[in-house]
Structures are given as structure tokens and as C-alpha cells.
């Protein structure tokens, strides 16, 4: 019986040590993220890598399409990954704008994990995008 008690005590002590290590790592990571956000110099090689990844992920991106030019940035916090990768996001934006060239992207942006910085879409009318302010049009305007 004494052997089982010692094993149980040792397992409990190991679990407590692991919990303390985990909490310490989380605290160090939070402090590192704060230093990166403040722009302080990195204190380690891993911090330099995190800084480079974060700056790449949060820089503005430009998306060009026949409907116009849209500038956006990923809306992420340090330590998180964007909900979509760059190529998937570009494809999704193309699909949305093809389906509705006049869509308000600021309403859809949070779902895509981005923030719209600038939206410069053409307001020209083409045969494919009729002016719906005059009612329903069947065929083409002459």
C-alpha cells in the first residue's frame, strides 16, 4: 500500500509542476506579444520570428478584380491564425463580387476575418450589371 501512495504522490507532484510550467510559458508568451505590439526590440530568436510573421499577416493587402480595387488586412491577434489563407480569401472575394458587384464588403469582412481599409469599386454600368434603381430590366438597355 505504501508503494501505491508514493506513486500517487509523485504523479500529483508531476502534474502540479507541469501546470506551473504551462502557466509560466503562457505568461512569457503574453509578455512577448505585448513587446511585439509595442514595437520593443526582440529578446530572443523565436520572438524575432513571431514579429516577422505578425507583421506579414497584419500588413495591408490589395485585391484587384474587374469590379475595382479593394485594400484589406487580416483581422487577427498575435498567436492566432487567420480563418482563411490568402489564396482562399482572394477566391472568396472574387466569388462574392462576381455574384453581387455592389455588395457592402464591410458587412461580410468580419466573417472572412478581415478589415476593409479601402474599397474603390467602379460605379460604371455594364450590360452584365444593370442599373436596378430604375426597376426590373429584361434584356439590355439601349
Protein backbone atom coordinates (compact mmCIF):
# COMPACT_ATOMS: atom_id res chain seq x y z
CA UNK A 1 0.00 0.00 0.00
CA UNK A 2 2.87 2.40 0.69
CA UNK A 3 4.20 1.97 -2.85
CA UNK A 4 0.86 2.99 -4.41
CA UNK A 5 0.70 6.04 -2.15
CA UNK A 6 4.21 7.15 -3.21
CA UNK A 7 3.35 6.67 -6.89
CA UNK A 8 0.14 8.68 -6.47
CA UNK A 9 2.01 11.45 -4.63
CA UNK A 10 4.70 11.55 -7.30
CA UNK A 11 2.10 11.73 -10.08
CA UNK A 12 0.31 14.55 -8.28
CA UNK A 13 3.58 16.46 -7.81
CA UNK A 14 4.45 16.00 -11.51
CA UNK A 15 1.01 17.23 -12.53
CA UNK A 16 1.42 20.33 -10.35
CA UNK A 17 4.92 21.02 -11.79
CA UNK A 18 3.58 20.66 -15.34
CA UNK A 19 0.72 23.02 -14.55
CA UNK A 20 3.15 25.62 -13.15
CA UNK A 21 5.41 25.29 -16.24
CA UNK A 22 2.43 25.72 -18.52
CA UNK A 23 1.25 28.83 -16.66
CA UNK A 24 4.78 30.27 -16.76
CA UNK A 25 5.01 29.65 -20.56
CA UNK A 26 1.63 31.30 -21.09
CA UNK A 27 2.73 34.35 -19.07
CA UNK A 28 6.01 34.60 -21.01
CA UNK A 29 4.09 34.35 -24.28
CA UNK A 30 1.66 37.12 -23.25
CA UNK A 31 4.62 39.33 -22.30
CA UNK A 32 6.29 38.60 -25.65
CA UNK A 33 3.09 39.50 -27.53
CA UNK A 34 2.87 42.78 -25.62
CA UNK A 35 6.50 43.62 -26.51
CA UNK A 36 5.80 42.88 -30.17
CA UNK A 37 2.67 45.05 -30.17
CA UNK A 38 4.60 47.91 -28.54
CA UNK A 39 7.43 47.54 -31.08
CA UNK A 40 10.10 46.83 -28.47
CA UNK A 41 13.25 45.02 -29.64
CA UNK A 42 13.06 41.21 -29.63
CA UNK A 43 14.62 39.36 -26.71
CA UNK A 44 15.05 36.02 -28.48
CA UNK A 45 15.25 34.42 -31.90
CA UNK A 46 11.74 32.98 -31.56
CA UNK A 47 10.42 36.44 -30.73
CA UNK A 48 12.01 37.77 -33.93
CA UNK A 49 10.24 35.06 -35.90
CA UNK A 50 6.87 35.81 -34.26
CA UNK A 51 7.40 39.50 -35.00
CA UNK A 52 8.10 38.82 -38.69
CA UNK A 53 5.05 36.56 -39.06
CA UNK A 54 2.77 39.02 -37.28
CA UNK A 55 3.93 41.97 -39.37
CA UNK A 56 3.40 39.98 -42.59
CA UNK A 57 -0.06 38.82 -41.53
CA UNK A 58 -1.29 42.26 -40.49
CA UNK A 59 0.07 44.35 -43.35
CA UNK A 60 -2.46 45.66 -45.89
CA UNK A 61 -3.15 43.53 -48.97
CA UNK A 62 -4.51 44.79 -52.28
CA UNK A 63 -7.07 42.78 -54.23
CA UNK A 64 -7.75 43.76 -57.83
CA UNK A 65 -10.64 42.47 -59.89
CA UNK A 66 -12.77 43.68 -62.82
CA UNK A 67 -15.11 45.40 -60.34
CA UNK A 68 -12.35 47.53 -58.80
CA UNK A 69 -9.61 47.58 -56.17
CA UNK A 70 -10.06 46.57 -52.54
CA UNK A 71 -7.46 47.05 -49.81
CA UNK A 72 -7.81 44.92 -46.69
CA UNK A 73 -5.84 43.43 -43.83
CA UNK A 74 -6.29 40.26 -41.82
CA UNK A 75 -8.03 40.90 -38.53
CA UNK A 76 -6.01 38.66 -36.20
CA UNK A 77 -4.42 38.83 -32.80
CA UNK A 78 -0.93 37.62 -32.03
CA UNK A 79 -0.80 33.88 -31.66
CA UNK A 80 -3.88 33.32 -33.83
CA UNK A 81 -4.05 32.21 -37.43
CA UNK A 82 -6.38 33.82 -39.98
CA UNK A 83 -9.61 31.90 -40.63
CA UNK A 84 -8.69 31.72 -44.35
CA UNK A 85 -5.37 31.68 -46.13
CA UNK A 86 -4.50 34.39 -48.64
CA UNK A 87 -5.41 32.41 -51.79
CA UNK A 88 -8.73 31.15 -50.37
CA UNK A 89 -9.65 34.67 -49.35
CA UNK A 90 -8.85 36.07 -52.81
CA UNK A 91 -11.01 33.36 -54.39
CA UNK A 92 -13.88 34.01 -51.97
CA UNK A 93 -13.76 37.76 -52.65
CA UNK A 94 -13.85 37.05 -56.40
CA UNK A 95 -16.91 34.82 -55.96
CA UNK A 96 -18.71 37.40 -53.82
CA UNK A 97 -18.02 40.27 -56.20
CA UNK A 98 -18.98 38.19 -59.25
CA UNK A 99 -22.30 37.31 -57.60
CA UNK A 100 -23.02 40.88 -56.43
CA UNK A 101 -20.66 43.61 -57.68
CA UNK A 102 -22.27 46.20 -55.38
CA UNK A 103 -22.11 44.21 -52.13
CA UNK A 104 -21.16 46.09 -48.98
CA UNK A 105 -17.94 44.26 -48.07
CA UNK A 106 -17.76 45.87 -44.63
CA UNK A 107 -20.73 43.68 -43.61
CA UNK A 108 -19.06 40.48 -44.84
CA UNK A 109 -15.49 41.29 -43.74
CA UNK A 110 -15.78 40.08 -40.10
CA UNK A 111 -16.95 36.67 -41.32
CA UNK A 112 -13.91 36.45 -43.59
CA UNK A 113 -11.57 37.54 -40.79
CA UNK A 114 -10.51 40.78 -42.48
CA UNK A 115 -10.91 44.53 -42.12
CA UNK A 116 -11.66 46.56 -45.23
CA UNK A 117 -9.28 49.52 -45.42
CA UNK A 118 -10.34 50.94 -48.79
CA UNK A 119 -12.95 49.95 -51.36
CA UNK A 120 -12.57 51.58 -54.78
CA UNK A 121 -15.04 49.81 -57.00
CA UNK A 122 -16.19 51.19 -60.30
CA UNK A 123 -19.70 52.60 -60.36
CA UNK A 124 -19.96 52.22 -64.16
CA UNK A 125 -22.83 50.24 -65.58
CA UNK A 126 -22.11 47.37 -67.92
CA UNK A 127 -24.56 45.10 -69.73
CA UNK A 128 -23.85 42.46 -67.08
CA UNK A 129 -24.65 44.80 -64.17
CA UNK A 130 -27.89 46.65 -65.00
CA UNK A 131 -28.98 49.73 -63.07
CA UNK A 132 -31.53 48.30 -60.66
CA UNK A 133 -32.64 51.73 -59.45
CA UNK A 134 -34.96 52.03 -62.49
CA UNK A 135 -36.81 48.80 -61.77
CA UNK A 136 -36.53 45.35 -63.28
CA UNK A 137 -34.83 45.27 -66.67
CA UNK A 138 -35.28 42.39 -69.05
CA UNK A 139 -32.68 42.34 -71.77
CA UNK A 140 -30.23 45.15 -72.33
CA UNK A 141 -30.63 48.91 -72.10
CA UNK A 142 -30.47 50.61 -75.49
